[in-house]
């Protein structure tokens, strides 16, 4: 009788099913979008970041050697470019707008 109990336990353990295989690893998240590359500005004060619903607008005064004027680049939440850079004004265009007033007051 004493030998029967360990023998039954051993047979139960030996006949049990194999454990299920481990779950596959979770897929890696997609890499973040690359940040917008740097832009040369006409002056250290010649830019503005304007928050919008889904990111920001980077407005800056381009240097004379790059054609001058004011340009805008839409940015996503992580600083990635969401669209092409667009000119707002050309070099030498008389505007007197808010951006020019802001830069001259800084």
Foldseek 3Di string as FASTA:
>chain_A
DVVVVVVVVVVVVVPDDDDDDDDDDDDDDDDDADADDDADAQDPLFWDWADDDFATKIWGFHHVVVFTAIKIFGAGNVRHTPDDIGGPDGPPDDDPDPSVVSSVVD
